[in-house]
Amino acid sequence: MVERPEQLGGRWARGSKSTLLAACVLATGIVLGSTEIAGAESVSGSSSAVGVEWNASWAAYQIEASHAAAALTTVDVTLPVTIDAPIDRVFPAYSNLENSLGRHPFLRDVLSHRRYTEGGADVWEFIALEDIPAGSVSIPGRTVGQQRTYAAEHWYSTDTWDMPGVITHQKVTFAQDGDATTVTEHLTFSAPAILIDYTVKNGVSSHIENQQAMKRDIENGTL
C-alpha cells in the first residue's frame, strides 16, 4: 500500500492542467533536450563537457535561488515509508542514487560530474537525465543536482534545479524502528506559479513510486 503524503505547506497539486501549462512544459523540454552532450559519461565517470554544463547550470541555480526565490511558489511535502530491514542495510542502498535507475519512473541515466568530501559530507555533483511526462508525450529533461551524504548520522540532502526555475530541496532521514527502518523524505518544491501544481504532482508521484520500489527490493534482498 502506498502511504499518503503529509502536506506541510503551500498549495496541493491539482489534477487539471491548462493548455498554456502543457505548452510551457513542452517548450522547456525542447530547450533542455537540445543541450544533449556528445560523449557525456554516466555514473562510472565524468567528462569535461559534463563539468561545463554542471557548472553553468549550478551557477544559474544559485542566482535564481538567491535573487528570484520570492517570485517562485513553494510547496512542502513529507513522504514516510517503513522498510522491513535494519538501518545499516537500508541507508547505503536507499541513499545511492544509482539504485534509483530502473526504479524511479522518470530517471533514465545519471551523468557524474565529481565526488569529494566537504564539511563531514560525501558530496556528489551530477546531472540526471529524465523522461518527464507531459500529457501524452514524454519530455527529455536534464536536472543538475548535488547530493550531500552524512553516513555517520544516517541522513542526506539533495538540491536539484532545472529550467525554467524548478527547484527541489530534499532532506532524507533514517530512523531505526525495532528491526525495521523508517525513511522520511522531506521535500520542498519551488517553481513558477504556472508550473507548481505540475511540479508537485509529478514530483510526489515519482518519489512514492521510487520509495515503493526501493522498499520492495531492499526487503526481498535485491538491494
C-alpha atoms as a PDB file:
ATOM      1  CA  MET A   1       0.000   0.000   0.000  1.00  0.00           C
ATOM      2  CA  VAL A   2       1.291   3.474  -0.865  1.00  0.00           C
ATOM      3  CA  GLU A   3       1.388   5.754   2.151  1.00  0.00           C
ATOM      4  CA  ARG A   4      -0.330   9.089   1.652  1.00  0.00           C
ATOM      5  CA  PRO A   5       1.924  12.143   1.783  1.00  0.00           C
ATOM      6  CA  GLU A   6       1.543  14.712   4.526  1.00  0.00           C
ATOM      7  CA  GLN A   7       1.295  18.232   3.179  1.00  0.00           C
ATOM      8  CA  LEU A   8       3.138  20.755   5.354  1.00  0.00           C
ATOM      9  CA  GLY A   9       2.555  23.988   3.486  1.00  0.00           C
ATOM     10  CA  GLY A  10       1.728  25.671   0.218  1.00  0.00           C
ATOM     11  CA  ARG A  11      -0.937  24.577  -2.247  1.00  0.00           C
ATOM     12  CA  TRP A  12      -1.513  20.905  -3.061  1.00  0.00           C
ATOM     13  CA  ALA A  13      -1.304  19.744  -6.661  1.00  0.00           C
ATOM     14  CA  ARG A  14      -4.478  19.635  -8.733  1.00  0.00           C
ATOM     15  CA  GLY A  15      -5.060  17.115 -11.491  1.00  0.00           C
ATOM     16  CA  SER A  16      -6.212  19.514 -14.235  1.00  0.00           C
ATOM     17  CA  LYS A  17      -3.599  21.195 -16.430  1.00  0.00           C
ATOM     18  CA  SER A  18      -4.138  24.129 -18.740  1.00  0.00           C
ATOM     19  CA  THR A  19      -3.148  24.197 -22.389  1.00  0.00           C
ATOM     20  CA  LEU A  20      -0.759  27.019 -21.537  1.00  0.00           C
ATOM     21  CA  LEU A  21       0.971  24.884 -18.905  1.00  0.00           C
ATOM     22  CA  ALA A  22       1.447  21.990 -21.302  1.00  0.00           C
ATOM     23  CA  ALA A  23       2.855  24.322 -23.945  1.00  0.00           C
ATOM     24  CA  CYS A  24       5.255  25.871 -21.438  1.00  0.00           C
ATOM     25  CA  VAL A  25       6.488  22.482 -20.260  1.00  0.00           C
ATOM     26  CA  LEU A  26       6.866  21.218 -23.817  1.00  0.00           C
ATOM     27  CA  ALA A  27       8.865  24.277 -24.846  1.00  0.00           C
ATOM     28  CA  THR A  28      11.089  23.827 -21.800  1.00  0.00           C
ATOM     29  CA  GLY A  29      11.694  20.198 -22.673  1.00  0.00           C
ATOM     30  CA  ILE A  30      12.719  21.134 -26.206  1.00  0.00           C
ATOM     31  CA  VAL A  31      15.273  23.569 -24.816  1.00  0.00           C
ATOM     32  CA  LEU A  32      16.573  21.020 -22.335  1.00  0.00           C
ATOM     33  CA  GLY A  33      16.722  18.267 -24.909  1.00  0.00           C
ATOM     34  CA  SER A  34      18.692  20.455 -27.287  1.00  0.00           C
ATOM     35  CA  THR A  35      21.584  20.601 -24.791  1.00  0.00           C
ATOM     36  CA  GLU A  36      22.434  16.888 -25.168  1.00  0.00           C
ATOM     37  CA  ILE A  37      26.187  16.413 -24.789  1.00  0.00           C
ATOM     38  CA  ALA A  38      28.134  14.195 -27.169  1.00  0.00           C
ATOM     39  CA  GLY A  39      30.406  11.809 -25.312  1.00  0.00           C
ATOM     40  CA  ALA A  40      28.962  12.542 -21.865  1.00  0.00           C
ATOM     41  CA  GLU A  41      29.715   9.780 -19.381  1.00  0.00           C
ATOM     42  CA  SER A  42      27.306   8.070 -16.998  1.00  0.00           C
ATOM     43  CA  VAL A  43      27.749   7.192 -13.319  1.00  0.00           C
ATOM     44  CA  SER A  44      31.062   5.407 -13.923  1.00  0.00           C
ATOM     45  CA  GLY A  45      32.887   8.703 -14.525  1.00  0.00           C
ATOM     46  CA  SER A  46      32.790  12.312 -15.636  1.00  0.00           C
ATOM     47  CA  SER A  47      33.714  14.267 -18.729  1.00  0.00           C
ATOM     48  CA  SER A  48      34.795  17.842 -19.276  1.00  0.00           C
ATOM     49  CA  ALA A  49      31.543  18.505 -21.163  1.00  0.00           C
ATOM     50  CA  VAL A  50      29.511  17.344 -18.170  1.00  0.00           C
ATOM     51  CA  GLY A  51      31.579  19.626 -15.948  1.00  0.00           C
ATOM     52  CA  VAL A  52      30.955  22.640 -18.161  1.00  0.00           C
ATOM     53  CA  GLU A  53      27.220  22.002 -18.212  1.00  0.00           C
ATOM     54  CA  TRP A  54      27.040  21.290 -14.472  1.00  0.00           C
ATOM     55  CA  ASN A  55      28.969  24.428 -13.502  1.00  0.00           C
ATOM     56  CA  ALA A  56      26.904  26.678 -15.784  1.00  0.00           C
ATOM     57  CA  SER A  57      23.605  25.192 -14.603  1.00  0.00           C
ATOM     58  CA  TRP A  58      24.596  25.316 -10.929  1.00  0.00           C
ATOM     59  CA  ALA A  59      25.568  28.984 -11.273  1.00  0.00           C
ATOM     60  CA  ALA A  60      22.128  29.695 -12.768  1.00  0.00           C
ATOM     61  CA  TYR A  61      20.511  27.789  -9.891  1.00  0.00           C
ATOM     62  CA  GLN A  62      22.409  29.798  -7.268  1.00  0.00           C
ATOM     63  CA  ILE A  63      21.459  33.094  -8.901  1.00  0.00           C
ATOM     64  CA  GLU A  64      17.827  32.074  -9.093  1.00  0.00           C
ATOM     65  CA  ALA A  65      17.755  30.723  -5.538  1.00  0.00           C
ATOM     66  CA  SER A  66      19.202  33.950  -4.130  1.00  0.00           C
ATOM     67  CA  HIS A  67      17.503  36.579  -6.304  1.00  0.00           C
ATOM     68  CA  ALA A  68      14.313  35.093  -7.733  1.00  0.00           C
ATOM     69  CA  ALA A  69      13.097  32.876  -4.893  1.00  0.00           C
ATOM     70  CA  ALA A  70      10.394  35.356  -3.895  1.00  0.00           C
ATOM     71  CA  ALA A  71       8.851  35.044  -7.369  1.00  0.00           C
ATOM     72  CA  LEU A  72       8.519  31.262  -7.055  1.00  0.00           C
ATOM     73  CA  THR A  73       5.686  29.335  -5.411  1.00  0.00           C
ATOM     74  CA  THR A  74       6.786  26.779  -2.800  1.00  0.00           C
ATOM     75  CA  VAL A  75       5.139  23.603  -1.507  1.00  0.00           C
ATOM     76  CA  ASP A  76       6.465  21.367   1.296  1.00  0.00           C
ATOM     77  CA  VAL A  77       5.590  17.659   1.419  1.00  0.00           C
ATOM     78  CA  THR A  78       6.668  14.844   3.760  1.00  0.00           C
ATOM     79  CA  LEU A  79       6.771  11.242   2.476  1.00  0.00           C
ATOM     80  CA  PRO A  80       7.481   8.498   5.051  1.00  0.00           C
ATOM     81  CA  VAL A  81       7.996   4.816   4.273  1.00  0.00           C
ATOM     82  CA  THR A  82       8.865   1.936   6.623  1.00  0.00           C
ATOM     83  CA  ILE A  83      11.213  -0.723   5.274  1.00  0.00           C
ATOM     84  CA  ASP A  84      11.455  -4.108   6.981  1.00  0.00           C
ATOM     85  CA  ALA A  85      15.253  -4.166   7.221  1.00  0.00           C
ATOM     86  CA  PRO A  86      17.886  -2.740   9.597  1.00  0.00           C
ATOM     87  CA  ILE A  87      19.203   0.775   9.077  1.00  0.00           C
ATOM     88  CA  ASP A  88      22.706  -0.451   8.199  1.00  0.00           C
ATOM     89  CA  ARG A  89      21.207  -2.178   5.137  1.00  0.00           C
ATOM     90  CA  VAL A  90      18.626   0.434   4.263  1.00  0.00           C
ATOM     91  CA  PHE A  91      20.772   3.572   4.412  1.00  0.00           C
ATOM     92  CA  PRO A  92      23.543   2.634   1.935  1.00  0.00           C
ATOM     93  CA  ALA A  93      21.037   1.153  -0.529  1.00  0.00           C
ATOM     94  CA  TYR A  94      18.495   3.976  -0.333  1.00  0.00           C
ATOM     95  CA  SER A  95      20.986   6.854  -0.364  1.00  0.00           C
ATOM     96  CA  ASN A  96      22.721   5.549  -3.501  1.00  0.00           C
ATOM     97  CA  LEU A  97      21.082   7.412  -6.401  1.00  0.00           C
ATOM     98  CA  GLU A  98      22.357   4.803  -8.852  1.00  0.00           C
ATOM     99  CA  ASN A  99      19.909   2.352  -7.244  1.00  0.00           C
ATOM    100  CA  SER A 100      17.015   4.510  -8.463  1.00  0.00           C
ATOM    101  CA  LEU A 101      17.824   3.639 -12.081  1.00  0.00           C
ATOM    102  CA  GLY A 102      15.031   1.331 -13.201  1.00  0.00           C
ATOM    103  CA  ARG A 103      13.001   2.181 -10.090  1.00  0.00           C
ATOM    104  CA  HIS A 104      12.343   5.913 -10.392  1.00  0.00           C
ATOM    105  CA  PRO A 105       9.777   6.262 -13.203  1.00  0.00           C
ATOM    106  CA  PHE A 106      11.426   9.283 -14.886  1.00  0.00           C
ATOM    107  CA  LEU A 107      15.130   8.584 -14.360  1.00  0.00           C
ATOM    108  CA  ARG A 108      16.958   7.058 -17.324  1.00  0.00           C
ATOM    109  CA  ASP A 109      20.620   7.834 -16.574  1.00  0.00           C
ATOM    110  CA  VAL A 110      22.941   9.848 -14.346  1.00  0.00           C
ATOM    111  CA  LEU A 111      25.963  11.787 -15.571  1.00  0.00           C
ATOM    112  CA  SER A 112      28.572  12.141 -12.834  1.00  0.00           C
ATOM    113  CA  HIS A 113      30.466  15.427 -12.573  1.00  0.00           C
ATOM    114  CA  ARG A 114      32.593  14.912  -9.457  1.00  0.00           C
ATOM    115  CA  ARG A 115      32.717  13.459  -5.940  1.00  0.00           C
ATOM    116  CA  TYR A 116      34.523  14.903  -2.920  1.00  0.00           C
ATOM    117  CA  THR A 117      34.304  15.325   0.863  1.00  0.00           C
ATOM    118  CA  GLU A 118      33.373  18.652   2.450  1.00  0.00           C
ATOM    119  CA  GLY A 119      32.279  19.557   5.975  1.00  0.00           C
ATOM    120  CA  GLY A 120      31.807  15.942   7.008  1.00  0.00           C
ATOM    121  CA  ALA A 121      29.653  15.151   3.973  1.00  0.00           C
ATOM    122  CA  ASP A 122      30.326  12.969   0.958  1.00  0.00           C
ATOM    123  CA  VAL A 123      29.324  15.258  -1.921  1.00  0.00           C
ATOM    124  CA  TRP A 124      28.238  14.088  -5.364  1.00  0.00           C
ATOM    125  CA  GLU A 125      27.570  16.521  -8.197  1.00  0.00           C
ATOM    126  CA  PHE A 126      25.607  15.088 -11.112  1.00  0.00           C
ATOM    127  CA  ILE A 127      23.168  15.636 -13.962  1.00  0.00           C
ATOM    128  CA  ALA A 128      20.085  13.417 -14.006  1.00  0.00           C
ATOM    129  CA  LEU A 129      18.634  12.545 -17.408  1.00  0.00           C
ATOM    130  CA  GLU A 130      14.871  12.120 -17.198  1.00  0.00           C
ATOM    131  CA  ASP A 131      11.864  11.408 -19.392  1.00  0.00           C
ATOM    132  CA  ILE A 132       9.239  13.710 -17.888  1.00  0.00           C
ATOM    133  CA  PRO A 133       5.565  13.021 -18.682  1.00  0.00           C
ATOM    134  CA  ALA A 134       3.521  15.883 -20.132  1.00  0.00           C
ATOM    135  CA  GLY A 135       0.139  14.592 -21.199  1.00  0.00           C
ATOM    136  CA  SER A 136       0.542  12.009 -23.963  1.00  0.00           C
ATOM    137  CA  VAL A 137       4.236  12.752 -24.549  1.00  0.00           C
ATOM    138  CA  SER A 138       7.475  12.485 -22.595  1.00  0.00           C
ATOM    139  CA  ILE A 139       9.927  15.368 -22.467  1.00  0.00           C
ATOM    140  CA  PRO A 140      13.683  14.749 -22.192  1.00  0.00           C
ATOM    141  CA  GLY A 141      14.891  16.666 -19.152  1.00  0.00           C
ATOM    142  CA  ARG A 142      18.321  17.397 -17.687  1.00  0.00           C
ATOM    143  CA  THR A 143      18.352  18.117 -13.955  1.00  0.00           C
ATOM    144  CA  VAL A 144      21.503  19.406 -12.290  1.00  0.00           C
ATOM    145  CA  GLY A 145      21.950  18.194  -8.720  1.00  0.00           C
ATOM    146  CA  GLN A 146      24.157  17.980  -5.663  1.00  0.00           C
ATOM    147  CA  GLN A 147      23.803  15.280  -3.011  1.00  0.00           C
ATOM    148  CA  ARG A 148      25.406  15.628   0.436  1.00  0.00           C
ATOM    149  CA  THR A 149      25.505  12.385   2.423  1.00  0.00           C
ATOM    150  CA  TYR A 150      26.181  12.198   6.176  1.00  0.00           C
ATOM    151  CA  ALA A 151      26.679   8.464   6.601  1.00  0.00           C
ATOM    152  CA  ALA A 152      27.587   8.529  10.300  1.00  0.00           C
ATOM    153  CA  GLU A 153      24.352  10.389  11.095  1.00  0.00           C
ATOM    154  CA  HIS A 154      22.165   8.438   8.632  1.00  0.00           C
ATOM    155  CA  TRP A 155      20.770  11.285   6.561  1.00  0.00           C
ATOM    156  CA  TYR A 156      21.385  13.035   3.269  1.00  0.00           C
ATOM    157  CA  SER A 157      20.217  16.091   1.371  1.00  0.00           C
ATOM    158  CA  THR A 158      19.824  16.703  -2.340  1.00  0.00           C
ATOM    159  CA  ASP A 159      19.340  20.003  -4.151  1.00  0.00           C
ATOM    160  CA  THR A 160      18.268  19.921  -7.792  1.00  0.00           C
ATOM    161  CA  TRP A 161      17.441  22.553 -10.411  1.00  0.00           C
ATOM    162  CA  ASP A 162      16.135  22.537 -13.934  1.00  0.00           C
ATOM    163  CA  MET A 163      14.673  25.091 -16.309  1.00  0.00           C
ATOM    164  CA  PRO A 164      12.539  27.140 -16.072  1.00  0.00           C
ATOM    165  CA  GLY A 165      13.136  27.750 -12.381  1.00  0.00           C
ATOM    166  CA  VAL A 166      12.118  24.390 -10.884  1.00  0.00           C
ATOM    167  CA  ILE A 167      13.992  23.821  -7.619  1.00  0.00           C
ATOM    168  CA  THR A 168      13.673  20.786  -5.355  1.00  0.00           C
ATOM    169  CA  HIS A 169      15.248  20.516  -1.907  1.00  0.00           C
ATOM    170  CA  GLN A 170      15.273  17.104  -0.226  1.00  0.00           C
ATOM    171  CA  LYS A 171      16.314  16.076   3.266  1.00  0.00           C
ATOM    172  CA  VAL A 172      16.010  12.329   3.762  1.00  0.00           C
ATOM    173  CA  THR A 173      16.270  10.944   7.300  1.00  0.00           C
ATOM    174  CA  PHE A 174      16.562   7.356   8.530  1.00  0.00           C
ATOM    175  CA  ALA A 175      15.397   6.080  11.925  1.00  0.00           C
ATOM    176  CA  GLN A 176      15.691   2.569  13.327  1.00  0.00           C
ATOM    177  CA  ASP A 177      12.279   1.215  14.365  1.00  0.00           C
ATOM    178  CA  GLY A 178      12.840  -2.162  16.007  1.00  0.00           C
ATOM    179  CA  ASP A 179      14.007  -4.459  13.218  1.00  0.00           C
ATOM    180  CA  ALA A 180      12.715  -2.017  10.582  1.00  0.00           C
ATOM    181  CA  THR A 181      13.783   1.411   9.345  1.00  0.00           C
ATOM    182  CA  THR A 182      11.580   4.444   8.745  1.00  0.00           C
ATOM    183  CA  VAL A 183      12.767   6.606   5.864  1.00  0.00           C
ATOM    184  CA  THR A 184      11.262  10.092   5.696  1.00  0.00           C
ATOM    185  CA  GLU A 185      11.667  12.310   2.650  1.00  0.00           C
ATOM    186  CA  HIS A 186      11.182  15.995   3.444  1.00  0.00           C
ATOM    187  CA  LEU A 187      10.600  17.668   0.074  1.00  0.00           C
ATOM    188  CA  THR A 188      10.378  21.348  -0.845  1.00  0.00           C
ATOM    189  CA  PHE A 189       9.273  22.154  -4.395  1.00  0.00           C
ATOM    190  CA  SER A 190       9.701  25.677  -5.775  1.00  0.00           C
ATOM    191  CA  ALA A 191       8.593  26.690  -9.262  1.00  0.00           C
ATOM    192  CA  PRO A 192       6.848  29.487 -11.191  1.00  0.00           C
ATOM    193  CA  ALA A 193       3.166  29.635 -10.266  1.00  0.00           C
ATOM    194  CA  ILE A 194       2.062  28.203 -13.610  1.00  0.00           C
ATOM    195  CA  LEU A 195       4.244  25.108 -13.078  1.00  0.00           C
ATOM    196  CA  ILE A 196       3.904  24.437  -9.349  1.00  0.00           C
ATOM    197  CA  ASP A 197       0.923  22.067  -9.489  1.00  0.00           C
ATOM    198  CA  TYR A 198       2.502  20.105 -12.341  1.00  0.00           C
ATOM    199  CA  THR A 199       5.830  20.009 -10.473  1.00  0.00           C
ATOM    200  CA  VAL A 200       4.356  18.832  -7.183  1.00  0.00           C
ATOM    201  CA  LYS A 201       2.047  16.237  -8.732  1.00  0.00           C
ATOM    202  CA  ASN A 202       4.780  14.630 -10.818  1.00  0.00           C
ATOM    203  CA  GLY A 203       7.414  15.022  -8.117  1.00  0.00           C
ATOM    204  CA  VAL A 204       5.341  13.404  -5.369  1.00  0.00           C
ATOM    205  CA  SER A 205       4.080  10.539  -7.542  1.00  0.00           C
ATOM    206  CA  SER A 206       7.581   9.736  -8.795  1.00  0.00           C
ATOM    207  CA  HIS A 207       9.066   9.811  -5.303  1.00  0.00           C
ATOM    208  CA  ILE A 208       6.362   7.496  -3.970  1.00  0.00           C
ATOM    209  CA  GLU A 209       6.916   5.062  -6.852  1.00  0.00           C
ATOM    210  CA  ASN A 210      10.662   5.096  -6.223  1.00  0.00           C
ATOM    211  CA  GLN A 211      10.101   4.606  -2.479  1.00  0.00           C
ATOM    212  CA  GLN A 212       7.912   1.569  -3.034  1.00  0.00           C
ATOM    213  CA  ALA A 213      10.384   0.018  -5.483  1.00  0.00           C
ATOM    214  CA  MET A 214      13.271   0.590  -3.056  1.00  0.00           C
ATOM    215  CA  LYS A 215      11.226  -0.875  -0.201  1.00  0.00           C
ATOM    216  CA  ARG A 216      10.365  -3.958  -2.267  1.00  0.00           C
ATOM    217  CA  ASP A 217      13.904  -4.626  -3.440  1.00  0.00           C
ATOM    218  CA  ILE A 218      15.578  -3.971  -0.099  1.00  0.00           C
ATOM    219  CA  GLU A 219      13.140  -6.268   1.643  1.00  0.00           C
ATOM    220  CA  ASN A 220      13.447  -9.067  -0.950  1.00  0.00           C
ATOM    221  CA  GLY A 221      17.252  -8.869  -0.968  1.00  0.00           C
ATOM    222  CA  THR A 222      17.721  -7.487  -4.488  1.00  0.00           C
ATOM    223  CA  LEU A 223      19.466  -4.491  -2.901  1.00  0.00           C
END
